[in-house]
C-alpha cells in the first residue's frame, strides 16, 4: 500500500481518491470484524496458523488502519484472558 500512496502523492488525484475509498472500506470491515470477535469461538480466530492474527499485526504498520486493527487485537486478547 505504501507504493500506492507514493504514486498518488505525485499528483494523481483520482488514484488518491481510490486509495481513500479503499481505506474507508477497510476501516468499516475491521470495525465490523471487531463486533463479531466477541462471540466467535476462539478456534475460528486461530485457524490456519493464526492467519487472522498475522494479518491484523501487519495492518498495524498502516497508519490509517492501525487503530481499528489494534482494537481487533485487543478484543481477541480480552477474549483469550476470559477463557
N, C-alpha and C. Protein backbone atom coordinates (compact mmCIF):
# COMPACT_ATOMS: atom_id res chain seq x y z
N UNK A 1 0.81 -1.19 0.00
CA UNK A 1 0.00 0.00 0.00
C UNK A 1 0.86 1.26 0.00
N UNK A 2 2.03 1.17 0.53
CA UNK A 2 2.91 2.32 0.58
C UNK A 2 3.21 2.83 -0.82
N UNK A 3 3.43 1.92 -1.77
CA UNK A 3 3.71 2.31 -3.14
C UNK A 3 2.58 3.10 -3.75
N UNK A 4 1.34 2.73 -3.44
CA UNK A 4 0.19 3.46 -3.96
C UNK A 4 0.15 4.88 -3.41
N UNK A 5 0.47 5.04 -2.13
CA UNK A 5 0.48 6.38 -1.55
C UNK A 5 1.55 7.24 -2.21
N UNK A 6 2.69 6.64 -2.49
CA UNK A 6 3.78 7.37 -3.13
C UNK A 6 3.38 7.82 -4.53
N UNK A 7 2.75 6.93 -5.28
CA UNK A 7 2.31 7.27 -6.63
C UNK A 7 1.24 8.36 -6.59
N UNK A 8 0.31 8.24 -5.66
CA UNK A 8 -0.77 9.21 -5.56
C UNK A 8 -0.24 10.57 -5.13
N UNK A 9 0.79 10.57 -4.31
CA UNK A 9 1.37 11.83 -3.85
C UNK A 9 2.02 12.60 -4.98
N UNK A 10 2.34 11.90 -6.06
CA UNK A 10 2.99 12.58 -7.18
C UNK A 10 2.00 13.37 -8.02
N UNK A 11 0.72 13.41 -7.64
CA UNK A 11 -0.21 14.28 -8.32
C UNK A 11 -1.44 13.62 -8.92
N UNK A 12 -1.59 12.33 -8.83
CA UNK A 12 -2.75 11.65 -9.40
C UNK A 12 -3.91 11.70 -8.40
N UNK A 13 -4.79 12.67 -8.56
CA UNK A 13 -5.89 12.89 -7.63
C UNK A 13 -6.87 11.72 -7.64
N UNK A 14 -7.17 11.18 -8.81
CA UNK A 14 -8.11 10.07 -8.91
C UNK A 14 -7.60 8.85 -8.15
N UNK A 15 -6.32 8.59 -8.28
CA UNK A 15 -5.74 7.45 -7.58
C UNK A 15 -5.77 7.68 -6.07
N UNK A 16 -5.53 8.89 -5.63
CA UNK A 16 -5.60 9.22 -4.21
C UNK A 16 -7.02 9.02 -3.69
N UNK A 17 -8.02 9.41 -4.46
CA UNK A 17 -9.41 9.20 -4.07
C UNK A 17 -9.74 7.72 -3.96
N UNK A 18 -9.22 6.93 -4.89
CA UNK A 18 -9.44 5.49 -4.85
C UNK A 18 -8.82 4.88 -3.60
N UNK A 19 -7.63 5.30 -3.26
CA UNK A 19 -6.96 4.80 -2.06
C UNK A 19 -7.75 5.18 -0.83
N UNK A 20 -8.23 6.41 -0.77
CA UNK A 20 -9.02 6.85 0.38
C UNK A 20 -10.31 6.03 0.51
N UNK A 21 -10.94 5.69 -0.61
CA UNK A 21 -12.13 4.84 -0.57
C UNK A 21 -11.79 3.46 -0.04
N UNK A 22 -10.67 2.92 -0.47
CA UNK A 22 -10.25 1.59 0.00
C UNK A 22 -9.97 1.61 1.50
N UNK A 23 -9.37 2.69 1.97
CA UNK A 23 -9.08 2.82 3.40
C UNK A 23 -10.38 2.88 4.18
N UNK A 24 -11.35 3.65 3.71
CA UNK A 24 -12.65 3.74 4.40
C UNK A 24 -13.34 2.38 4.47
N UNK A 25 -13.32 1.65 3.37
CA UNK A 25 -13.93 0.31 3.35
C UNK A 25 -13.18 -0.62 4.29
N UNK A 26 -11.87 -0.56 4.28
CA UNK A 26 -11.06 -1.41 5.16
C UNK A 26 -11.35 -1.11 6.63
N UNK A 27 -11.50 0.15 6.96
CA UNK A 27 -11.84 0.53 8.35
C UNK A 27 -13.21 -0.02 8.72
N UNK A 28 -14.16 0.07 7.82
CA UNK A 28 -15.51 -0.45 8.08
C UNK A 28 -15.47 -1.96 8.29
N UNK A 29 -14.67 -2.65 7.49
CA UNK A 29 -14.53 -4.11 7.63
C UNK A 29 -13.92 -4.46 8.98
N UNK A 30 -12.88 -3.74 9.37
CA UNK A 30 -12.24 -4.02 10.66
C UNK A 30 -13.19 -3.73 11.83
N UNK A 31 -13.98 -2.68 11.74
CA UNK A 31 -14.93 -2.37 12.80
C UNK A 31 -16.02 -3.43 12.88
N UNK A 32 -16.47 -3.92 11.74
CA UNK A 32 -17.46 -4.99 11.72
C UNK A 32 -16.87 -6.28 12.28
N UNK A 33 -15.65 -6.59 11.87
CA UNK A 33 -14.95 -7.76 12.41
C UNK A 33 -14.83 -7.68 13.92
N UNK A 34 -14.51 -6.51 14.42
CA UNK A 34 -14.36 -6.32 15.86
C UNK A 34 -15.67 -6.65 16.59
N UNK A 35 -16.79 -6.30 15.99
CA UNK A 35 -18.07 -6.62 16.60
C UNK A 35 -18.33 -8.12 16.66
N UNK A 36 -17.86 -8.86 15.68
CA UNK A 36 -18.06 -10.30 15.65
C UNK A 36 -17.06 -11.07 16.52
N UNK A 37 -15.93 -10.49 16.78
CA UNK A 37 -14.89 -11.21 17.52
C UNK A 37 -15.32 -11.58 18.93
N UNK A 38 -16.22 -10.81 19.51
CA UNK A 38 -16.69 -11.11 20.87
C UNK A 38 -17.38 -12.46 20.98
N UNK A 39 -18.14 -12.84 19.98
CA UNK A 39 -18.92 -14.06 20.11
C UNK A 39 -18.44 -15.21 19.24
N UNK A 40 -17.43 -15.00 18.43
CA UNK A 40 -16.88 -16.08 17.61
C UNK A 40 -15.98 -16.96 18.48
N UNK A 41 -16.08 -18.26 18.29
CA UNK A 41 -15.25 -19.19 19.04
C UNK A 41 -13.77 -18.97 18.73
N UNK A 42 -12.95 -19.11 19.75
CA UNK A 42 -11.51 -18.86 19.61
C UNK A 42 -10.86 -19.76 18.55
N UNK A 43 -11.37 -20.99 18.39
CA UNK A 43 -10.77 -21.89 17.40
C UNK A 43 -10.95 -21.36 15.97
N UNK A 44 -11.96 -20.52 15.74
CA UNK A 44 -12.13 -19.91 14.42
C UNK A 44 -11.15 -18.75 14.21
N UNK A 45 -10.77 -18.12 15.29
CA UNK A 45 -9.84 -16.98 15.21
C UNK A 45 -8.41 -17.45 14.94
N UNK A 46 -8.05 -18.60 15.48
CA UNK A 46 -6.67 -19.08 15.34
C UNK A 46 -6.49 -20.12 14.23
N UNK A 47 -7.50 -20.27 13.39
CA UNK A 47 -7.44 -21.23 12.31
C UNK A 47 -6.34 -20.85 11.29
N UNK A 48 -5.83 -21.83 10.58
CA UNK A 48 -4.82 -21.65 9.53
C UNK A 48 -3.57 -20.93 10.05
N UNK A 49 -2.99 -21.47 11.07
CA UNK A 49 -1.75 -20.94 11.66
C UNK A 49 -1.87 -19.47 12.04
N UNK A 50 -2.96 -19.12 12.69
CA UNK A 50 -3.19 -17.76 13.20
C UNK A 50 -3.19 -16.71 12.10
N UNK A 51 -3.71 -17.04 10.94
CA UNK A 51 -3.69 -16.12 9.79
C UNK A 51 -4.35 -14.78 10.12
N UNK A 52 -5.48 -14.82 10.81
CA UNK A 52 -6.17 -13.57 11.15
C UNK A 52 -5.28 -12.70 12.04
N UNK A 53 -4.64 -13.31 13.02
CA UNK A 53 -3.76 -12.54 13.91
C UNK A 53 -2.58 -11.95 13.15
N UNK A 54 -2.02 -12.72 12.25
CA UNK A 54 -0.89 -12.25 11.45
C UNK A 54 -1.32 -11.06 10.59
N UNK A 55 -2.49 -11.17 9.94
CA UNK A 55 -2.96 -10.08 9.09
C UNK A 55 -3.25 -8.82 9.90
N UNK A 56 -3.84 -8.98 11.07
CA UNK A 56 -4.10 -7.82 11.93
C UNK A 56 -2.79 -7.17 12.37
N UNK A 57 -1.80 -7.97 12.67
CA UNK A 57 -0.49 -7.42 13.06
C UNK A 57 0.16 -6.67 11.89
N UNK A 58 0.02 -7.19 10.69
CA UNK A 58 0.56 -6.49 9.52
C UNK A 58 -0.13 -5.15 9.30
N UNK A 59 -1.41 -5.08 9.61
CA UNK A 59 -2.16 -3.82 9.44
C UNK A 59 -1.73 -2.75 10.43
N UNK A 60 -1.05 -3.15 11.48
CA UNK A 60 -0.57 -2.17 12.46
C UNK A 60 0.45 -1.21 11.86
N UNK A 61 1.08 -1.61 10.77
CA UNK A 61 2.08 -0.75 10.13
C UNK A 61 1.44 0.32 9.24
N UNK A 62 0.15 0.21 8.98
CA UNK A 62 -0.56 1.21 8.17
C UNK A 62 -1.24 2.20 9.11
N UNK A 63 -0.82 3.44 9.05
CA UNK A 63 -1.30 4.45 9.99
C UNK A 63 -2.82 4.65 9.91
N UNK A 64 -3.40 4.46 8.74
CA UNK A 64 -4.84 4.64 8.58
C UNK A 64 -5.65 3.49 9.15
N UNK A 65 -5.05 2.32 9.27
CA UNK A 65 -5.78 1.13 9.71
C UNK A 65 -5.34 0.64 11.09
N UNK A 66 -4.27 1.20 11.62
CA UNK A 66 -3.69 0.62 12.83
C UNK A 66 -4.61 0.70 14.05
N UNK A 67 -5.40 1.75 14.20
CA UNK A 67 -6.27 1.84 15.36
C UNK A 67 -7.36 0.76 15.33
N UNK A 68 -7.98 0.58 14.18
CA UNK A 68 -9.01 -0.45 14.06
C UNK A 68 -8.42 -1.85 14.20
N UNK A 69 -7.24 -2.07 13.63
CA UNK A 69 -6.58 -3.37 13.77
C UNK A 69 -6.19 -3.62 15.22
N UNK A 70 -5.71 -2.60 15.90
CA UNK A 70 -5.34 -2.74 17.32
C UNK A 70 -6.56 -3.05 18.18
N UNK A 71 -7.69 -2.44 17.85
CA UNK A 71 -8.91 -2.73 18.60
C UNK A 71 -9.34 -4.18 18.41
N UNK A 72 -9.19 -4.70 17.20
CA UNK A 72 -9.49 -6.12 16.95
C UNK A 72 -8.57 -7.02 17.78
N UNK A 73 -7.29 -6.70 17.77
CA UNK A 73 -6.34 -7.50 18.55
C UNK A 73 -6.64 -7.42 20.04
N UNK A 74 -7.02 -6.24 20.52
CA UNK A 74 -7.37 -6.08 21.92
C UNK A 74 -8.59 -6.92 22.27
N UNK A 75 -9.57 -6.95 21.41
CA UNK A 75 -10.76 -7.78 21.63
C UNK A 75 -10.38 -9.25 21.72
N UNK A 76 -9.47 -9.69 20.85
CA UNK A 76 -9.03 -11.09 20.87
C UNK A 76 -8.29 -11.39 22.17
N UNK A 77 -7.42 -10.49 22.60
CA UNK A 77 -6.65 -10.71 23.83
C UNK A 77 -7.59 -10.75 25.03
N UNK A 78 -8.55 -9.84 25.08
CA UNK A 78 -9.53 -9.86 26.17
C UNK A 78 -10.31 -11.15 26.19
N UNK A 79 -10.68 -11.62 25.02
CA UNK A 79 -11.43 -12.87 24.91
C UNK A 79 -10.59 -14.04 25.42
N UNK A 80 -9.33 -14.06 25.06
CA UNK A 80 -8.42 -15.12 25.48
C UNK A 80 -8.23 -15.10 26.99
N UNK A 81 -8.14 -13.92 27.57
CA UNK A 81 -7.95 -13.80 29.02
C UNK A 81 -9.18 -14.31 29.76
N UNK A 82 -10.36 -14.11 29.20
CA UNK A 82 -11.61 -14.55 29.83
C UNK A 82 -11.74 -16.06 29.83
N UNK A 83 -11.11 -16.74 28.86
CA UNK A 83 -11.20 -18.21 28.79
C UNK A 83 -10.49 -18.83 29.92
